[in-house]
Amino acid sequence: MPLAGELSVAKFQQQYGFLTDVHENELKTLREHAKRARVLVKTAPNDLREEWERELGRLQLAMKRAESAVNRDKKSKIEQEALSKITKEEHEKRKKGKRSWWMKECSLLPFRVY
């Protein structure tokens, strides 16, 4: 939207960088709770065993979601570091005399229109 302004990835990472720590802490907590729940399910009374197994299943699903969030955060961090490294290298090359290069619009078309 024009009123929202442009998206700056660097600024977004700076503002919301704490979320990676939150995801990692959440995963750690869920692992601890799942470990305790496994022990409790083994010693559960027969009338509560089914309910406690369902709770353990919910904890395991939440743990998988948290693991995927942590992995996604790590992947995006690696990608951003690679992009910033390439950008810095290009900037240095331009300082040394390399000319700027842009792809021509006609090269962007998948086929020629006659």
N, C-alpha and C. Protein backbone atom coordinates (compact mmCIF):
# COMPACT_ATOMS: atom_id res chain seq x y z
N MET A 1 0.83 -1.18 0.00
CA MET A 1 0.00 0.00 0.00
C MET A 1 0.88 1.24 0.00
N PRO A 2 0.48 2.23 -0.74
CA PRO A 2 1.29 3.45 -0.81
C PRO A 2 1.45 4.15 0.54
N LEU A 3 0.45 4.07 1.39
CA LEU A 3 0.53 4.76 2.68
C LEU A 3 1.46 4.05 3.65
N ALA A 4 1.67 2.76 3.46
CA ALA A 4 2.51 1.99 4.38
C ALA A 4 3.99 2.22 4.13
N GLY A 5 4.35 2.63 2.93
CA GLY A 5 5.75 2.86 2.62
C GLY A 5 6.41 1.60 2.06
N GLU A 6 7.70 1.70 1.83
CA GLU A 6 8.45 0.58 1.26
C GLU A 6 8.93 -0.36 2.36
N LEU A 7 9.06 -1.63 2.01
CA LEU A 7 9.54 -2.63 2.95
C LEU A 7 11.07 -2.62 2.93
N SER A 8 11.65 -2.40 4.07
CA SER A 8 13.09 -2.47 4.22
C SER A 8 13.41 -3.73 5.03
N VAL A 9 14.02 -4.71 4.39
CA VAL A 9 14.31 -5.99 5.04
C VAL A 9 15.25 -5.79 6.22
N ALA A 10 16.24 -4.94 6.05
CA ALA A 10 17.19 -4.70 7.14
C ALA A 10 16.49 -4.08 8.36
N LYS A 11 15.61 -3.14 8.10
CA LYS A 11 14.89 -2.49 9.20
C LYS A 11 13.93 -3.48 9.87
N PHE A 12 13.30 -4.32 9.06
CA PHE A 12 12.40 -5.33 9.60
C PHE A 12 13.17 -6.29 10.51
N GLN A 13 14.34 -6.73 10.06
CA GLN A 13 15.16 -7.63 10.87
C GLN A 13 15.60 -6.95 12.17
N GLN A 14 15.89 -5.67 12.08
CA GLN A 14 16.31 -4.93 13.26
C GLN A 14 15.15 -4.80 14.26
N GLN A 15 13.96 -4.52 13.77
CA GLN A 15 12.80 -4.31 14.64
C GLN A 15 12.27 -5.61 15.24
N TYR A 16 12.30 -6.71 14.44
CA TYR A 16 11.69 -7.96 14.87
C TYR A 16 12.70 -9.08 15.05
N GLY A 17 13.94 -8.74 15.29
CA GLY A 17 14.99 -9.73 15.50
C GLY A 17 14.80 -10.54 16.78
N PHE A 18 14.07 -9.99 17.73
CA PHE A 18 13.84 -10.70 18.98
C PHE A 18 12.99 -11.95 18.79
N LEU A 19 12.26 -12.05 17.68
CA LEU A 19 11.39 -13.20 17.47
C LEU A 19 12.17 -14.50 17.33
N THR A 20 13.39 -14.45 16.82
CA THR A 20 14.18 -15.67 16.71
C THR A 20 14.50 -16.21 18.10
N ASP A 21 14.81 -15.32 19.04
CA ASP A 21 15.07 -15.75 20.42
C ASP A 21 13.80 -16.33 21.05
N VAL A 22 12.67 -15.71 20.76
CA VAL A 22 11.40 -16.19 21.30
C VAL A 22 11.11 -17.60 20.78
N HIS A 23 11.32 -17.81 19.47
CA HIS A 23 11.08 -19.14 18.89
C HIS A 23 11.99 -20.19 19.50
N GLU A 24 13.26 -19.85 19.69
CA GLU A 24 14.20 -20.81 20.29
C GLU A 24 13.83 -21.13 21.74
N ASN A 25 13.43 -20.12 22.50
CA ASN A 25 13.02 -20.35 23.89
C ASN A 25 11.74 -21.20 23.95
N GLU A 26 10.83 -20.93 23.04
CA GLU A 26 9.60 -21.70 23.00
C GLU A 26 9.88 -23.17 22.70
N LEU A 27 10.78 -23.43 21.76
CA LEU A 27 11.14 -24.80 21.41
C LEU A 27 11.78 -25.50 22.60
N LYS A 28 12.66 -24.80 23.29
CA LYS A 28 13.32 -25.38 24.46
C LYS A 28 12.30 -25.74 25.54
N THR A 29 11.36 -24.85 25.80
CA THR A 29 10.32 -25.09 26.80
C THR A 29 9.43 -26.26 26.40
N LEU A 30 9.05 -26.30 25.12
CA LEU A 30 8.19 -27.40 24.65
C LEU A 30 8.90 -28.75 24.76
N ARG A 31 10.19 -28.78 24.49
CA ARG A 31 10.94 -30.02 24.62
C ARG A 31 10.96 -30.50 26.08
N GLU A 32 11.15 -29.58 26.99
CA GLU A 32 11.15 -29.94 28.41
C GLU A 32 9.79 -30.48 28.85
N HIS A 33 8.72 -29.80 28.42
CA HIS A 33 7.38 -30.24 28.78
C HIS A 33 7.05 -31.61 28.16
N ALA A 34 7.46 -31.82 26.93
CA ALA A 34 7.20 -33.11 26.27
C ALA A 34 7.96 -34.23 26.97
N LYS A 35 9.17 -33.94 27.41
CA LYS A 35 9.96 -34.94 28.12
C LYS A 35 9.26 -35.34 29.43
N ARG A 36 8.79 -34.35 30.16
CA ARG A 36 8.06 -34.64 31.40
C ARG A 36 6.75 -35.37 31.13
N ALA A 37 6.08 -34.99 30.06
CA ALA A 37 4.79 -35.61 29.72
C ALA A 37 4.97 -37.08 29.37
N ARG A 38 6.07 -37.42 28.67
CA ARG A 38 6.32 -38.82 28.34
C ARG A 38 6.45 -39.67 29.60
N VAL A 39 7.15 -39.14 30.60
CA VAL A 39 7.33 -39.85 31.86
C VAL A 39 5.98 -39.99 32.56
N LEU A 40 5.18 -38.93 32.56
CA LEU A 40 3.89 -38.96 33.24
C LEU A 40 2.91 -39.93 32.57
N VAL A 41 2.97 -40.03 31.24
CA VAL A 41 2.07 -40.93 30.53
C VAL A 41 2.37 -42.38 30.93
N LYS A 42 3.63 -42.70 31.12
CA LYS A 42 4.00 -44.07 31.51
C LYS A 42 3.45 -44.43 32.89
N THR A 43 3.35 -43.45 33.78
CA THR A 43 2.90 -43.71 35.15
C THR A 43 1.45 -43.27 35.36
N ALA A 44 0.73 -42.94 34.29
CA ALA A 44 -0.62 -42.42 34.42
C ALA A 44 -1.60 -43.50 34.87
N PRO A 45 -2.60 -43.12 35.64
CA PRO A 45 -3.66 -44.08 35.98
C PRO A 45 -4.45 -44.44 34.72
N ASN A 46 -5.04 -45.60 34.70
CA ASN A 46 -5.72 -46.08 33.51
C ASN A 46 -6.84 -45.16 33.03
N ASP A 47 -7.57 -44.55 33.94
CA ASP A 47 -8.69 -43.70 33.54
C ASP A 47 -8.22 -42.36 32.93
N LEU A 48 -7.00 -41.93 33.21
CA LEU A 48 -6.48 -40.66 32.66
C LEU A 48 -5.45 -40.85 31.55
N ARG A 49 -5.07 -42.09 31.29
CA ARG A 49 -3.99 -42.34 30.34
C ARG A 49 -4.32 -41.81 28.93
N GLU A 50 -5.52 -42.02 28.44
CA GLU A 50 -5.88 -41.58 27.09
C GLU A 50 -5.81 -40.06 26.97
N GLU A 51 -6.31 -39.37 27.97
CA GLU A 51 -6.29 -37.90 27.96
C GLU A 51 -4.85 -37.39 27.97
N TRP A 52 -4.00 -38.00 28.79
CA TRP A 52 -2.61 -37.57 28.88
C TRP A 52 -1.85 -37.88 27.59
N GLU A 53 -2.20 -38.96 26.89
CA GLU A 53 -1.57 -39.28 25.61
C GLU A 53 -1.95 -38.25 24.56
N ARG A 54 -3.23 -37.80 24.60
CA ARG A 54 -3.65 -36.74 23.66
C ARG A 54 -2.88 -35.46 23.93
N GLU A 55 -2.69 -35.13 25.19
CA GLU A 55 -1.92 -33.92 25.55
C GLU A 55 -0.47 -34.05 25.07
N LEU A 56 0.10 -35.24 25.22
CA LEU A 56 1.46 -35.47 24.72
C LEU A 56 1.51 -35.29 23.21
N GLY A 57 0.50 -35.78 22.50
CA GLY A 57 0.44 -35.59 21.04
C GLY A 57 0.37 -34.12 20.66
N ARG A 58 -0.43 -33.35 21.40
CA ARG A 58 -0.51 -31.91 21.13
C ARG A 58 0.83 -31.22 21.39
N LEU A 59 1.51 -31.64 22.44
CA LEU A 59 2.83 -31.06 22.72
C LEU A 59 3.82 -31.39 21.60
N GLN A 60 3.76 -32.61 21.10
CA GLN A 60 4.68 -33.00 20.02
C GLN A 60 4.39 -32.22 18.74
N LEU A 61 3.11 -31.97 18.43
CA LEU A 61 2.77 -31.16 17.25
C LEU A 61 3.26 -29.73 17.43
N ALA A 62 3.08 -29.18 18.61
CA ALA A 62 3.55 -27.82 18.87
C ALA A 62 5.06 -27.76 18.77
N MET A 63 5.73 -28.82 19.22
CA MET A 63 7.19 -28.87 19.14
C MET A 63 7.64 -28.89 17.68
N LYS A 64 6.94 -29.63 16.82
CA LYS A 64 7.29 -29.67 15.39
C LYS A 64 7.10 -28.30 14.75
N ARG A 65 6.01 -27.61 15.11
CA ARG A 65 5.79 -26.26 14.57
C ARG A 65 6.89 -25.31 15.02
N ALA A 66 7.29 -25.41 16.27
CA ALA A 66 8.36 -24.55 16.78
C ALA A 66 9.68 -24.87 16.10
N GLU A 67 9.96 -26.16 15.86
CA GLU A 67 11.19 -26.53 15.16
C GLU A 67 11.21 -25.96 13.76
N SER A 68 10.07 -26.00 13.06
CA SER A 68 10.04 -25.45 11.70
C SER A 68 10.21 -23.94 11.73
N ALA A 69 9.69 -23.26 12.75
CA ALA A 69 9.88 -21.81 12.86
C ALA A 69 11.35 -21.48 13.10
N VAL A 70 12.01 -22.25 13.96
CA VAL A 70 13.44 -22.03 14.22
C VAL A 70 14.26 -22.28 12.96
N ASN A 71 13.95 -23.36 12.25
CA ASN A 71 14.67 -23.67 11.01
C ASN A 71 14.45 -22.60 9.96
N ARG A 72 13.21 -22.08 9.87
CA ARG A 72 12.91 -21.03 8.91
C ARG A 72 13.68 -19.76 9.26
N ASP A 73 13.78 -19.45 10.56
CA ASP A 73 14.55 -18.28 10.99
C ASP A 73 16.02 -18.42 10.63
N LYS A 74 16.58 -19.61 10.85
CA LYS A 74 17.99 -19.84 10.53
C LYS A 74 18.22 -19.71 9.03
N LYS A 75 17.31 -20.26 8.23
CA LYS A 75 17.45 -20.21 6.77
C LYS A 75 17.38 -18.77 6.27
N SER A 76 16.42 -18.00 6.80
CA SER A 76 16.31 -16.61 6.35
C SER A 76 17.51 -15.79 6.77
N LYS A 77 18.07 -16.09 7.95
CA LYS A 77 19.27 -15.37 8.40
C LYS A 77 20.44 -15.65 7.46
N ILE A 78 20.62 -16.91 7.08
CA ILE A 78 21.70 -17.28 6.16
C ILE A 78 21.51 -16.59 4.82
N GLU A 79 20.27 -16.58 4.32
CA GLU A 79 19.99 -15.93 3.03
C GLU A 79 20.27 -14.43 3.10
N GLN A 80 19.87 -13.78 4.18
CA GLN A 80 20.10 -12.34 4.32
C GLN A 80 21.59 -12.02 4.42
N GLU A 81 22.34 -12.87 5.13
CA GLU A 81 23.78 -12.65 5.22
C GLU A 81 24.44 -12.80 3.86
N ALA A 82 24.00 -13.79 3.07
CA ALA A 82 24.56 -13.99 1.74
C ALA A 82 24.24 -12.81 0.83
N LEU A 83 23.01 -12.34 0.88
CA LEU A 83 22.63 -11.19 0.05
C LEU A 83 23.39 -9.93 0.44
N SER A 84 23.56 -9.71 1.73
CA SER A 84 24.30 -8.51 2.15
C SER A 84 25.77 -8.61 1.76
N LYS A 85 26.33 -9.81 1.81
CA LYS A 85 27.72 -10.00 1.41
C LYS A 85 27.89 -9.70 -0.08
N ILE A 86 26.98 -10.20 -0.89
CA ILE A 86 27.05 -9.96 -2.34
C ILE A 86 26.88 -8.47 -2.63
N THR A 87 25.96 -7.83 -1.93
CA THR A 87 25.73 -6.40 -2.13
C THR A 87 26.97 -5.59 -1.78
N LYS A 88 27.62 -5.94 -0.69
CA LYS A 88 28.85 -5.24 -0.29
C LYS A 88 29.95 -5.46 -1.32
N GLU A 89 30.08 -6.69 -1.82
CA GLU A 89 31.10 -6.97 -2.83
C GLU A 89 30.86 -6.17 -4.09
N GLU A 90 29.61 -6.10 -4.54
CA GLU A 90 29.28 -5.31 -5.73
C GLU A 90 29.57 -3.84 -5.50
N HIS A 91 29.26 -3.35 -4.32
CA HIS A 91 29.53 -1.95 -4.00
C HIS A 91 31.03 -1.66 -4.06
N GLU A 92 31.83 -2.57 -3.52
CA GLU A 92 33.28 -2.41 -3.56
C GLU A 92 33.80 -2.46 -5.00
N LYS A 93 33.25 -3.37 -5.80
CA LYS A 93 33.67 -3.47 -7.20
C LYS A 93 33.34 -2.18 -7.96
N ARG A 94 32.20 -1.58 -7.66
CA ARG A 94 31.83 -0.33 -8.33
C ARG A 94 32.75 0.80 -7.91
N LYS A 95 33.19 0.79 -6.65
CA LYS A 95 34.13 1.80 -6.19
C LYS A 95 35.45 1.68 -6.93
N LYS A 96 35.82 0.45 -7.28
CA LYS A 96 37.08 0.21 -7.97
C LYS A 96 36.98 0.45 -9.47
N GLY A 97 35.77 0.71 -9.97
CA GLY A 97 35.66 1.06 -11.38
C GLY A 97 34.72 0.19 -12.19
N LYS A 98 34.12 -0.79 -11.62
CA LYS A 98 33.20 -1.62 -12.37
C LYS A 98 31.96 -0.80 -12.69
N ARG A 99 31.45 -0.96 -13.90
CA ARG A 99 30.26 -0.24 -14.27
C ARG A 99 29.02 -0.99 -13.80
N SER A 100 27.97 -0.24 -13.56
CA SER A 100 26.70 -0.85 -13.15
C SER A 100 26.10 -1.59 -14.32
N TRP A 101 25.35 -2.66 -14.03
CA TRP A 101 24.75 -3.47 -15.08
C TRP A 101 23.32 -3.78 -14.71
N TRP A 102 22.42 -3.63 -15.68
CA TRP A 102 21.03 -3.98 -15.51
C TRP A 102 20.59 -4.82 -16.69
N MET A 103 19.73 -5.77 -16.45
CA MET A 103 19.22 -6.60 -17.52
C MET A 103 18.26 -5.78 -18.37
N LYS A 104 18.36 -5.93 -19.67
CA LYS A 104 17.47 -5.20 -20.56
C LYS A 104 16.08 -5.78 -20.48
N GLU A 105 15.09 -4.93 -20.73
CA GLU A 105 13.71 -5.39 -20.64
C GLU A 105 13.41 -6.48 -21.65
N CYS A 106 14.00 -6.40 -22.83
CA CYS A 106 13.72 -7.40 -23.86
C CYS A 106 14.28 -8.77 -23.43
N SER A 107 15.27 -8.81 -22.58
CA SER A 107 15.82 -10.08 -22.10
C SER A 107 14.92 -10.74 -21.07
N LEU A 108 14.02 -9.96 -20.49
CA LEU A 108 13.14 -10.50 -19.47
C LEU A 108 11.99 -11.30 -20.05
N LEU A 109 11.65 -11.05 -21.31
CA LEU A 109 10.56 -11.77 -21.94
C LEU A 109 10.97 -13.20 -22.24
N PRO A 110 10.09 -14.19 -21.98
CA PRO A 110 10.45 -15.57 -22.22
C PRO A 110 10.48 -15.92 -23.71
N PHE A 111 9.80 -15.16 -24.54
CA PHE A 111 9.81 -15.42 -25.98
C PHE A 111 9.66 -14.10 -26.71
N ARG A 112 9.97 -14.11 -27.98
CA ARG A 112 9.87 -12.90 -28.79
C ARG A 112 8.47 -12.77 -29.37
N VAL A 113 7.95 -11.59 -29.36
CA VAL A 113 6.65 -11.34 -29.96
C VAL A 113 6.90 -10.62 -31.28
N TYR A 114 6.41 -11.21 -32.38
CA TYR A 114 6.58 -10.61 -33.71
C TYR A 114 5.31 -9.99 -34.18
